[in-house]
Amino acid sequence: MTIETETSAGPLANGKTIALVGLMGAGKSSVGRRLADTLKLPFHDSDDEIEKAAGLSVSDIFSLHGEEEFRRVEQRVIERLITGKQQVLATGGGAFMNDQTRALLKEHAVTIWLSADLETLWRRVSRRDGRPLLKTENPKDRLRNLLETRKATYATADIVVESRDGPHMNAVRDIISALKEKFPSND
């Protein structure tokens, strides 16, 4: 299945990086890869880049150095990424919660919140271990609390797209449509 679009996202996002934000399990990495392929842009996942820079997994950084140090590294990595060439960037679930990181993203990127309901998020995250913030006695309650406390901040993203069950290309199509609406071409 193909999607009609320009070969570059430039007309869609004024040449800015397209940054996907949202809670773990929203599909930022999976949708982001497909969006980048469709738009012929590079793709980066901030968590992958943090792991490369630190030489440790995200879980190891959390357990050895704590969340505060992880957020400092995350901010530096995101700043490096978004001040480069246009790309699609999947951010970690907590990145947009940091005031400085959020300001960087809002200045240098078009932010898109991939919003999903609790049950969808839970189905997705419960398939994989290794989510440091969910290493609690009741991980679903922790996820519920994160969703409730973060959604008002996520809602400040430039664009909101619902991440539903089904093919990731549905979200890609929704993102491209929203970008075309927000940045109409000057034909």
N, C-alpha and C. Protein backbone atom coordinates (compact mmCIF):
# COMPACT_ATOMS: atom_id res chain seq x y z
N MET A 1 0.85 -1.17 0.00
CA MET A 1 0.00 0.00 0.00
C MET A 1 0.90 1.23 0.00
N THR A 2 0.61 2.17 -0.86
CA THR A 2 1.42 3.39 -0.91
C THR A 2 0.59 4.58 -0.46
N ILE A 3 1.28 5.58 -0.01
CA ILE A 3 0.64 6.81 0.41
C ILE A 3 1.17 7.90 -0.49
N GLU A 4 0.26 8.66 -1.08
CA GLU A 4 0.71 9.77 -1.91
C GLU A 4 1.22 10.88 -1.02
N THR A 5 2.46 11.25 -1.22
CA THR A 5 3.05 12.34 -0.46
C THR A 5 4.27 12.84 -1.20
N GLU A 6 4.76 13.97 -0.78
CA GLU A 6 5.98 14.50 -1.36
C GLU A 6 7.11 13.56 -0.99
N THR A 7 8.23 13.61 -1.72
CA THR A 7 9.36 12.75 -1.39
C THR A 7 10.09 13.25 -0.15
N SER A 8 9.78 14.43 0.30
CA SER A 8 10.36 14.98 1.51
C SER A 8 9.25 15.60 2.33
N ALA A 9 9.44 15.67 3.63
CA ALA A 9 8.41 16.26 4.49
C ALA A 9 8.52 17.77 4.53
N GLY A 10 9.50 18.34 3.86
CA GLY A 10 9.70 19.78 3.90
C GLY A 10 8.42 20.56 3.74
N PRO A 11 7.65 20.33 2.66
CA PRO A 11 6.40 21.07 2.51
C PRO A 11 5.40 20.78 3.63
N LEU A 12 5.52 19.63 4.24
CA LEU A 12 4.58 19.26 5.31
C LEU A 12 4.93 19.89 6.65
N ALA A 13 6.19 20.13 6.90
CA ALA A 13 6.59 20.57 8.23
C ALA A 13 7.58 21.73 8.16
N ASN A 14 7.58 22.46 7.07
CA ASN A 14 8.49 23.60 6.91
C ASN A 14 9.95 23.22 7.19
N GLY A 15 10.32 21.97 6.87
CA GLY A 15 11.69 21.52 7.05
C GLY A 15 12.06 21.18 8.48
N LYS A 16 11.11 21.25 9.40
CA LYS A 16 11.40 20.94 10.81
C LYS A 16 11.36 19.43 11.05
N THR A 17 12.08 19.02 12.06
CA THR A 17 12.01 17.64 12.52
C THR A 17 10.59 17.35 12.99
N ILE A 18 10.14 16.14 12.74
CA ILE A 18 8.83 15.69 13.19
C ILE A 18 9.08 14.82 14.42
N ALA A 19 8.71 15.31 15.60
CA ALA A 19 8.99 14.63 16.86
C ALA A 19 7.71 14.01 17.42
N LEU A 20 7.76 12.71 17.61
CA LEU A 20 6.63 11.99 18.18
C LEU A 20 6.80 11.91 19.69
N VAL A 21 5.75 12.32 20.41
CA VAL A 21 5.76 12.30 21.87
C VAL A 21 4.57 11.48 22.34
N GLY A 22 4.63 11.04 23.57
CA GLY A 22 3.53 10.28 24.14
C GLY A 22 4.05 9.23 25.09
N LEU A 23 3.13 8.55 25.72
CA LEU A 23 3.46 7.57 26.73
C LEU A 23 4.04 6.31 26.10
N MET A 24 4.78 5.56 26.89
CA MET A 24 5.30 4.27 26.43
C MET A 24 4.13 3.43 25.90
N GLY A 25 4.37 2.76 24.80
CA GLY A 25 3.33 1.92 24.21
C GLY A 25 2.45 2.63 23.20
N ALA A 26 2.64 3.93 23.02
CA ALA A 26 1.81 4.68 22.07
C ALA A 26 2.18 4.36 20.62
N GLY A 27 3.37 3.80 20.41
CA GLY A 27 3.77 3.44 19.05
C GLY A 27 4.75 4.42 18.42
N LYS A 28 5.40 5.23 19.23
CA LYS A 28 6.28 6.27 18.69
C LYS A 28 7.39 5.69 17.81
N SER A 29 8.02 4.62 18.26
CA SER A 29 9.11 4.02 17.48
C SER A 29 8.60 3.31 16.24
N SER A 30 7.59 2.48 16.40
CA SER A 30 7.05 1.72 15.26
C SER A 30 6.45 2.63 14.20
N VAL A 31 5.62 3.57 14.65
CA VAL A 31 5.00 4.51 13.71
C VAL A 31 6.07 5.43 13.13
N GLY A 32 7.00 5.86 13.97
CA GLY A 32 8.05 6.77 13.53
C GLY A 32 8.89 6.19 12.41
N ARG A 33 9.27 4.92 12.52
CA ARG A 33 10.06 4.27 11.46
C ARG A 33 9.28 4.26 10.14
N ARG A 34 8.01 3.91 10.21
CA ARG A 34 7.20 3.85 8.99
C ARG A 34 6.97 5.25 8.40
N LEU A 35 6.77 6.24 9.28
CA LEU A 35 6.60 7.61 8.83
C LEU A 35 7.87 8.10 8.13
N ALA A 36 9.02 7.83 8.73
CA ALA A 36 10.30 8.24 8.13
C ALA A 36 10.49 7.57 6.78
N ASP A 37 10.19 6.28 6.68
CA ASP A 37 10.31 5.58 5.40
C ASP A 37 9.39 6.21 4.35
N THR A 38 8.16 6.49 4.74
CA THR A 38 7.20 7.07 3.81
C THR A 38 7.64 8.44 3.33
N LEU A 39 8.19 9.23 4.24
CA LEU A 39 8.60 10.60 3.91
C LEU A 39 10.04 10.69 3.41
N LYS A 40 10.72 9.54 3.37
CA LYS A 40 12.12 9.48 2.93
C LYS A 40 13.01 10.38 3.79
N LEU A 41 12.81 10.28 5.08
CA LEU A 41 13.60 11.04 6.06
C LEU A 41 14.34 10.07 6.97
N PRO A 42 15.45 10.52 7.56
CA PRO A 42 16.11 9.68 8.57
C PRO A 42 15.21 9.51 9.79
N PHE A 43 15.40 8.42 10.50
CA PHE A 43 14.65 8.15 11.72
C PHE A 43 15.63 7.97 12.87
N HIS A 44 15.31 8.56 14.01
CA HIS A 44 16.07 8.33 15.24
C HIS A 44 15.10 8.09 16.39
N ASP A 45 15.49 7.20 17.26
CA ASP A 45 14.77 6.94 18.50
C ASP A 45 15.66 7.47 19.61
N SER A 46 15.17 8.42 20.40
CA SER A 46 16.03 9.04 21.41
C SER A 46 16.55 8.02 22.43
N ASP A 47 15.74 7.01 22.78
CA ASP A 47 16.23 6.01 23.73
C ASP A 47 17.40 5.22 23.14
N ASP A 48 17.32 4.86 21.86
CA ASP A 48 18.43 4.15 21.21
C ASP A 48 19.69 5.02 21.20
N GLU A 49 19.50 6.30 20.92
CA GLU A 49 20.65 7.21 20.87
C GLU A 49 21.25 7.42 22.27
N ILE A 50 20.42 7.42 23.30
CA ILE A 50 20.90 7.54 24.68
C ILE A 50 21.73 6.31 25.03
N GLU A 51 21.23 5.13 24.65
CA GLU A 51 21.96 3.89 24.93
C GLU A 51 23.32 3.89 24.23
N LYS A 52 23.37 4.37 22.98
CA LYS A 52 24.64 4.45 22.26
C LYS A 52 25.60 5.41 22.97
N ALA A 53 25.09 6.58 23.36
CA ALA A 53 25.93 7.59 24.00
C ALA A 53 26.45 7.12 25.36
N ALA A 54 25.61 6.43 26.11
CA ALA A 54 25.98 6.02 27.47
C ALA A 54 26.68 4.67 27.52
N GLY A 55 26.49 3.87 26.48
CA GLY A 55 27.03 2.51 26.51
C GLY A 55 26.31 1.62 27.51
N LEU A 56 25.09 2.01 27.85
CA LEU A 56 24.26 1.26 28.79
C LEU A 56 22.82 1.24 28.29
N SER A 57 22.04 0.26 28.71
CA SER A 57 20.62 0.24 28.38
C SER A 57 19.90 1.30 29.20
N VAL A 58 18.72 1.68 28.75
CA VAL A 58 17.91 2.64 29.50
C VAL A 58 17.65 2.11 30.90
N SER A 59 17.32 0.83 31.02
CA SER A 59 17.07 0.22 32.34
C SER A 59 18.30 0.32 33.23
N ASP A 60 19.48 0.08 32.65
CA ASP A 60 20.72 0.16 33.44
C ASP A 60 21.00 1.59 33.88
N ILE A 61 20.75 2.54 33.01
CA ILE A 61 20.96 3.95 33.39
C ILE A 61 20.06 4.30 34.56
N PHE A 62 18.78 3.90 34.48
CA PHE A 62 17.84 4.16 35.58
C PHE A 62 18.32 3.51 36.87
N SER A 63 18.72 2.24 36.81
CA SER A 63 19.08 1.55 38.05
C SER A 63 20.42 2.01 38.61
N LEU A 64 21.38 2.35 37.76
CA LEU A 64 22.70 2.76 38.24
C LEU A 64 22.78 4.24 38.59
N HIS A 65 22.08 5.09 37.83
CA HIS A 65 22.24 6.53 37.98
C HIS A 65 20.96 7.28 38.33
N GLY A 66 19.82 6.62 38.21
CA GLY A 66 18.55 7.25 38.57
C GLY A 66 17.90 7.99 37.41
N GLU A 67 16.62 8.28 37.61
CA GLU A 67 15.85 8.93 36.56
C GLU A 67 16.35 10.34 36.27
N GLU A 68 16.76 11.08 37.30
CA GLU A 68 17.20 12.46 37.09
C GLU A 68 18.40 12.53 36.14
N GLU A 69 19.37 11.64 36.32
CA GLU A 69 20.54 11.62 35.43
C GLU A 69 20.11 11.19 34.03
N PHE A 70 19.22 10.21 33.95
CA PHE A 70 18.72 9.79 32.64
C PHE A 70 18.10 10.97 31.90
N ARG A 71 17.29 11.77 32.58
CA ARG A 71 16.62 12.92 31.94
C ARG A 71 17.64 13.96 31.48
N ARG A 72 18.74 14.13 32.23
CA ARG A 72 19.79 15.06 31.79
C ARG A 72 20.44 14.58 30.48
N VAL A 73 20.76 13.30 30.44
CA VAL A 73 21.36 12.73 29.22
C VAL A 73 20.36 12.81 28.07
N GLU A 74 19.11 12.49 28.36
CA GLU A 74 18.06 12.53 27.34
C GLU A 74 17.95 13.93 26.73
N GLN A 75 17.98 14.95 27.56
CA GLN A 75 17.87 16.32 27.07
C GLN A 75 19.02 16.66 26.14
N ARG A 76 20.24 16.30 26.52
CA ARG A 76 21.41 16.58 25.67
C ARG A 76 21.33 15.85 24.34
N VAL A 77 20.91 14.60 24.37
CA VAL A 77 20.80 13.80 23.14
C VAL A 77 19.72 14.38 22.23
N ILE A 78 18.57 14.72 22.78
CA ILE A 78 17.49 15.30 21.96
C ILE A 78 17.92 16.64 21.38
N GLU A 79 18.60 17.45 22.17
CA GLU A 79 19.08 18.74 21.65
C GLU A 79 20.02 18.54 20.47
N ARG A 80 20.92 17.58 20.58
CA ARG A 80 21.84 17.29 19.48
C ARG A 80 21.07 16.83 18.23
N LEU A 81 20.10 15.98 18.43
CA LEU A 81 19.35 15.43 17.30
C LEU A 81 18.50 16.48 16.59
N ILE A 82 17.78 17.30 17.34
CA ILE A 82 16.82 18.20 16.70
C ILE A 82 17.46 19.45 16.11
N THR A 83 18.71 19.71 16.45
CA THR A 83 19.37 20.86 15.84
C THR A 83 20.12 20.46 14.57
N GLY A 84 19.96 19.22 14.15
CA GLY A 84 20.55 18.75 12.92
C GLY A 84 19.55 18.82 11.78
N LYS A 85 19.76 17.96 10.78
CA LYS A 85 18.89 17.93 9.61
C LYS A 85 17.51 17.39 9.97
N GLN A 86 16.55 17.70 9.12
CA GLN A 86 15.18 17.24 9.34
C GLN A 86 15.14 15.72 9.41
N GLN A 87 14.33 15.23 10.30
CA GLN A 87 14.20 13.80 10.54
C GLN A 87 12.87 13.52 11.23
N VAL A 88 12.59 12.25 11.43
CA VAL A 88 11.50 11.83 12.31
C VAL A 88 12.18 11.34 13.58
N LEU A 89 11.72 11.84 14.72
CA LEU A 89 12.31 11.52 16.01
C LEU A 89 11.26 10.94 16.94
N ALA A 90 11.50 9.74 17.43
CA ALA A 90 10.66 9.15 18.48
C ALA A 90 11.31 9.47 19.81
N THR A 91 10.61 10.18 20.67
CA THR A 91 11.16 10.55 21.97
C THR A 91 10.71 9.55 23.03
N GLY A 92 11.44 9.50 24.13
CA GLY A 92 11.03 8.68 25.25
C GLY A 92 9.77 9.24 25.88
N GLY A 93 9.02 8.40 26.57
CA GLY A 93 7.74 8.82 27.13
C GLY A 93 7.81 9.99 28.08
N GLY A 94 8.92 10.14 28.81
CA GLY A 94 9.04 11.22 29.77
C GLY A 94 9.73 12.46 29.24
N ALA A 95 10.27 12.40 28.04
CA ALA A 95 11.05 13.52 27.51
C ALA A 95 10.24 14.81 27.47
N PHE A 96 9.00 14.74 27.04
CA PHE A 96 8.16 15.92 26.88
C PHE A 96 7.73 16.50 28.23
N MET A 97 7.94 15.76 29.31
CA MET A 97 7.58 16.24 30.64
C MET A 97 8.62 17.23 31.17
N ASN A 98 9.84 17.14 30.67
CA ASN A 98 10.91 18.04 31.10
C ASN A 98 10.71 19.38 30.42
N ASP A 99 10.59 20.44 31.21
CA ASP A 99 10.31 21.78 30.66
C ASP A 99 11.32 22.21 29.61
N GLN A 100 12.60 21.99 29.87
CA GLN A 100 13.64 22.42 28.93
C GLN A 100 13.61 21.59 27.65
N THR A 101 13.44 20.28 27.79
CA THR A 101 13.37 19.42 26.62
C THR A 101 12.13 19.76 25.79
N ARG A 102 11.01 19.98 26.47
CA ARG A 102 9.78 20.35 25.76
C ARG A 102 9.96 21.66 25.01
N ALA A 103 10.60 22.64 25.62
CA ALA A 103 10.85 23.92 24.95
C ALA A 103 11.74 23.73 23.72
N LEU A 104 12.76 22.90 23.82
CA LEU A 104 13.63 22.60 22.67
C LEU A 104 12.82 21.97 21.54
N LEU A 105 12.00 21.00 21.90
CA LEU A 105 11.18 20.32 20.89
C LEU A 105 10.21 21.29 20.24
N LYS A 106 9.57 22.14 21.04
CA LYS A 106 8.59 23.08 20.50
C LYS A 106 9.27 24.11 19.59
N GLU A 107 10.52 24.46 19.88
CA GLU A 107 11.23 25.45 19.07
C GLU A 107 11.78 24.86 17.77
N HIS A 108 12.29 23.64 17.82
CA HIS A 108 13.02 23.08 16.69
C HIS A 108 12.28 21.98 15.93
N ALA A 109 11.10 21.61 16.38
CA ALA A 109 10.40 20.48 15.77
C ALA A 109 8.90 20.74 15.73
N VAL A 110 8.22 19.93 14.95
CA VAL A 110 6.77 19.86 15.00
C VAL A 110 6.49 18.66 15.91
N THR A 111 5.80 18.91 17.02
CA THR A 111 5.55 17.84 17.97
C THR A 111 4.19 17.20 17.71
N ILE A 112 4.18 15.88 17.74
CA ILE A 112 2.95 15.13 17.50
C ILE A 112 2.76 14.15 18.65
N TRP A 113 1.64 14.33 19.36
CA TRP A 113 1.30 13.41 20.45
C TRP A 113 0.57 12.23 19.86
N LEU A 114 1.16 11.05 20.01
CA LEU A 114 0.46 9.81 19.68
C LEU A 114 -0.30 9.41 20.93
N SER A 115 -1.57 9.69 20.93
CA SER A 115 -2.44 9.47 22.08
C SER A 115 -3.08 8.09 21.99
N ALA A 116 -3.11 7.40 23.11
CA ALA A 116 -3.77 6.09 23.16
C ALA A 116 -4.44 5.94 24.52
N ASP A 117 -5.50 5.14 24.56
CA ASP A 117 -6.18 4.90 25.83
C ASP A 117 -5.39 3.89 26.67
N LEU A 118 -5.73 3.81 27.94
CA LEU A 118 -5.01 2.97 28.89
C LEU A 118 -4.97 1.51 28.45
N GLU A 119 -6.08 0.95 28.03
CA GLU A 119 -6.11 -0.47 27.68
C GLU A 119 -5.21 -0.77 26.48
N THR A 120 -5.18 0.12 25.49
CA THR A 120 -4.29 -0.06 24.33
C THR A 120 -2.84 0.00 24.78
N LEU A 121 -2.51 1.02 25.58
CA LEU A 121 -1.14 1.15 26.09
C LEU A 121 -0.74 -0.09 26.89
N TRP A 122 -1.63 -0.54 27.76
CA TRP A 122 -1.31 -1.69 28.61
C TRP A 122 -1.07 -2.95 27.78
N ARG A 123 -1.93 -3.20 26.79
CA ARG A 123 -1.74 -4.37 25.93
C ARG A 123 -0.36 -4.33 25.29
N ARG A 124 0.04 -3.16 24.84
CA ARG A 124 1.32 -3.04 24.14
C ARG A 124 2.51 -3.16 25.08
N VAL A 125 2.49 -2.47 26.22
CA VAL A 125 3.67 -2.49 27.09
C VAL A 125 3.80 -3.79 27.87
N SER A 126 2.70 -4.48 28.10
CA SER A 126 2.78 -5.72 28.90
C SER A 126 3.40 -6.87 28.10
N ARG A 127 3.61 -6.69 26.80
CA ARG A 127 4.25 -7.71 25.97
C ARG A 127 5.76 -7.74 26.17
N ARG A 128 6.32 -6.64 26.68
CA ARG A 128 7.78 -6.54 26.79
C ARG A 128 8.18 -6.14 28.20
N ASP A 129 9.24 -6.75 28.66
CA ASP A 129 9.81 -6.35 29.95
C ASP A 129 10.82 -5.24 29.67
N GLY A 130 11.32 -4.61 30.69
CA GLY A 130 12.37 -3.62 30.47
C GLY A 130 11.89 -2.18 30.51
N ARG A 131 10.71 -1.93 30.99
CA ARG A 131 10.21 -0.56 31.15
C ARG A 131 10.51 -0.13 32.58
N PRO A 132 11.56 0.67 32.80
CA PRO A 132 11.98 0.99 34.17
C PRO A 132 10.87 1.59 35.03
N LEU A 133 10.04 2.43 34.45
CA LEU A 133 8.99 3.08 35.25
C LEU A 133 7.86 2.13 35.63
N LEU A 134 7.83 0.94 35.01
CA LEU A 134 6.78 -0.02 35.32
C LEU A 134 7.27 -1.15 36.21
N LYS A 135 8.47 -1.03 36.73
CA LYS A 135 9.00 -2.06 37.64
C LYS A 135 8.47 -1.77 39.05
N THR A 136 7.17 -1.96 39.20
CA THR A 136 6.48 -1.72 40.47
C THR A 136 5.59 -2.91 40.77
N GLU A 137 5.00 -2.90 41.95
CA GLU A 137 4.10 -3.98 42.34
C GLU A 137 2.86 -4.04 41.44
N ASN A 138 2.34 -2.88 41.05
CA ASN A 138 1.17 -2.85 40.18
C ASN A 138 1.48 -1.97 38.96
N PRO A 139 2.09 -2.55 37.93
CA PRO A 139 2.52 -1.75 36.79
C PRO A 139 1.36 -1.10 36.01
N LYS A 140 0.20 -1.74 35.97
CA LYS A 140 -0.92 -1.13 35.25
C LYS A 140 -1.41 0.13 35.96
N ASP A 141 -1.44 0.10 37.29
CA ASP A 141 -1.80 1.32 38.03
C ASP A 141 -0.77 2.42 37.79
N ARG A 142 0.49 2.03 37.75
CA ARG A 142 1.55 3.02 37.49
C ARG A 142 1.35 3.64 36.11
N LEU A 143 1.02 2.81 35.11
CA LEU A 143 0.78 3.30 33.76
C LEU A 143 -0.43 4.24 33.75
N ARG A 144 -1.49 3.87 34.47
CA ARG A 144 -2.69 4.72 34.58
C ARG A 144 -2.33 6.08 35.17
N ASN A 145 -1.54 6.06 36.24
CA ASN A 145 -1.13 7.31 36.89
C ASN A 145 -0.27 8.17 35.95
N LEU A 146 0.64 7.54 35.23
CA LEU A 146 1.46 8.29 34.28
C LEU A 146 0.59 8.93 33.21
N LEU A 147 -0.36 8.19 32.69
CA LEU A 147 -1.26 8.72 31.67
C LEU A 147 -2.04 9.92 32.21
N GLU A 148 -2.59 9.78 33.40
CA GLU A 148 -3.38 10.87 33.98
C GLU A 148 -2.55 12.11 34.25
N THR A 149 -1.34 11.93 34.76
CA THR A 149 -0.52 13.09 35.11
C THR A 149 0.14 13.73 33.89
N ARG A 150 0.31 12.96 32.83
CA ARG A 150 1.04 13.49 31.67
C ARG A 150 0.16 13.99 30.53
N LYS A 151 -1.09 13.56 30.47
CA LYS A 151 -1.86 13.86 29.26
C LYS A 151 -2.09 15.35 29.02
N ALA A 152 -2.22 16.15 30.06
CA ALA A 152 -2.39 17.60 29.85
C ALA A 152 -1.15 18.21 29.20
N THR A 153 0.02 17.72 29.57
CA THR A 153 1.26 18.22 28.96
C THR A 153 1.39 17.70 27.53
N TYR A 154 1.13 16.41 27.33
CA TYR A 154 1.18 15.87 25.96
C TYR A 154 0.23 16.64 25.04
N ALA A 155 -0.91 17.05 25.58
CA ALA A 155 -1.91 17.76 24.77
C ALA A 155 -1.42 19.12 24.27
N THR A 156 -0.30 19.60 24.78
CA THR A 156 0.27 20.87 24.28
C THR A 156 1.09 20.66 23.01
N ALA A 157 1.20 19.43 22.55
CA ALA A 157 1.91 19.16 21.29
C ALA A 157 1.22 19.90 20.16
N ASP A 158 1.95 20.15 19.09
CA ASP A 158 1.40 20.88 17.95
C ASP A 158 0.23 20.14 17.29
N ILE A 159 0.31 18.82 17.28
CA ILE A 159 -0.70 17.98 16.62
C ILE A 159 -0.98 16.79 17.53
N VAL A 160 -2.23 16.36 17.58
CA VAL A 160 -2.60 15.16 18.33
C VAL A 160 -3.16 14.14 17.34
N VAL A 161 -2.63 12.92 17.39
CA VAL A 161 -3.09 11.83 16.52
C VAL A 161 -3.39 10.64 17.41
N GLU A 162 -4.53 10.04 17.21
CA GLU A 162 -4.93 8.86 17.98
C GLU A 162 -4.17 7.64 17.48
N SER A 163 -3.55 6.92 18.41
CA SER A 163 -2.85 5.67 18.10
C SER A 163 -3.77 4.52 18.48
N ARG A 164 -4.37 3.92 17.48
CA ARG A 164 -5.34 2.86 17.71
C ARG A 164 -4.73 1.51 17.35
N ASP A 165 -5.42 0.45 17.77
CA ASP A 165 -5.00 -0.88 17.32
C ASP A 165 -5.22 -0.96 15.82
N GLY A 166 -4.44 -1.78 15.18
CA GLY A 166 -4.50 -1.91 13.73
C GLY A 166 -3.16 -1.57 13.13
N PRO A 167 -3.10 -1.57 11.81
CA PRO A 167 -1.82 -1.31 11.16
C PRO A 167 -1.26 0.08 11.51
N HIS A 168 0.06 0.12 11.71
CA HIS A 168 0.72 1.39 12.03
C HIS A 168 0.57 2.40 10.91
N MET A 169 0.37 1.92 9.69
CA MET A 169 0.23 2.83 8.56
C MET A 169 -1.02 3.70 8.69
N ASN A 170 -2.00 3.27 9.50
CA ASN A 170 -3.16 4.14 9.75
C ASN A 170 -2.72 5.40 10.47
N ALA A 171 -1.86 5.25 11.48
CA ALA A 171 -1.35 6.41 12.21
C ALA A 171 -0.47 7.26 11.30
N VAL A 172 0.32 6.61 10.44
CA VAL A 172 1.17 7.35 9.49
C VAL A 172 0.29 8.22 8.59
N ARG A 173 -0.77 7.65 8.06
CA ARG A 173 -1.69 8.42 7.21
C ARG A 173 -2.31 9.59 7.97
N ASP A 174 -2.71 9.33 9.22
CA ASP A 174 -3.30 10.40 10.04
C ASP A 174 -2.29 11.52 10.30
N ILE A 175 -1.04 11.15 10.55
CA ILE A 175 0.00 12.16 10.79
C ILE A 175 0.23 13.00 9.54
N ILE A 176 0.35 12.34 8.40
CA ILE A 176 0.59 13.06 7.15
C ILE A 176 -0.58 14.00 6.85
N SER A 177 -1.79 13.53 7.05
CA SER A 177 -2.97 14.39 6.84
C SER A 177 -2.94 15.60 7.76
N ALA A 178 -2.61 15.37 9.03
CA ALA A 178 -2.56 16.47 9.99
C ALA A 178 -1.44 17.46 9.64
N LEU A 179 -0.30 16.95 9.18
CA LEU A 179 0.79 17.84 8.76
C LEU A 179 0.40 18.66 7.55
N LYS A 180 -0.27 18.04 6.59
CA LYS A 180 -0.72 18.77 5.39
C LYS A 180 -1.72 19.86 5.76
N GLU A 181 -2.56 19.57 6.74
CA GLU A 181 -3.54 20.56 7.19
C GLU A 181 -2.84 21.72 7.94
N LYS A 182 -1.88 21.39 8.78
CA LYS A 182 -1.19 22.41 9.56
C LYS A 182 -0.24 23.24 8.70
N PHE A 183 0.36 22.62 7.69
CA PHE A 183 1.32 23.31 6.82
C PHE A 183 0.86 23.16 5.37
N PRO A 184 -0.19 23.87 4.97
CA PRO A 184 -0.66 23.74 3.59
C PRO A 184 0.42 24.21 2.63
N SER A 185 0.53 23.51 1.52
CA SER A 185 1.56 23.88 0.53
C SER A 185 1.15 25.18 -0.15
N ASN A 186 2.13 25.85 -0.69
CA ASN A 186 1.91 27.13 -1.36
C ASN A 186 1.83 26.92 -2.87
N ASP A 187 1.01 25.99 -3.30
CA ASP A 187 0.89 25.70 -4.74
C ASP A 187 0.39 26.90 -5.51
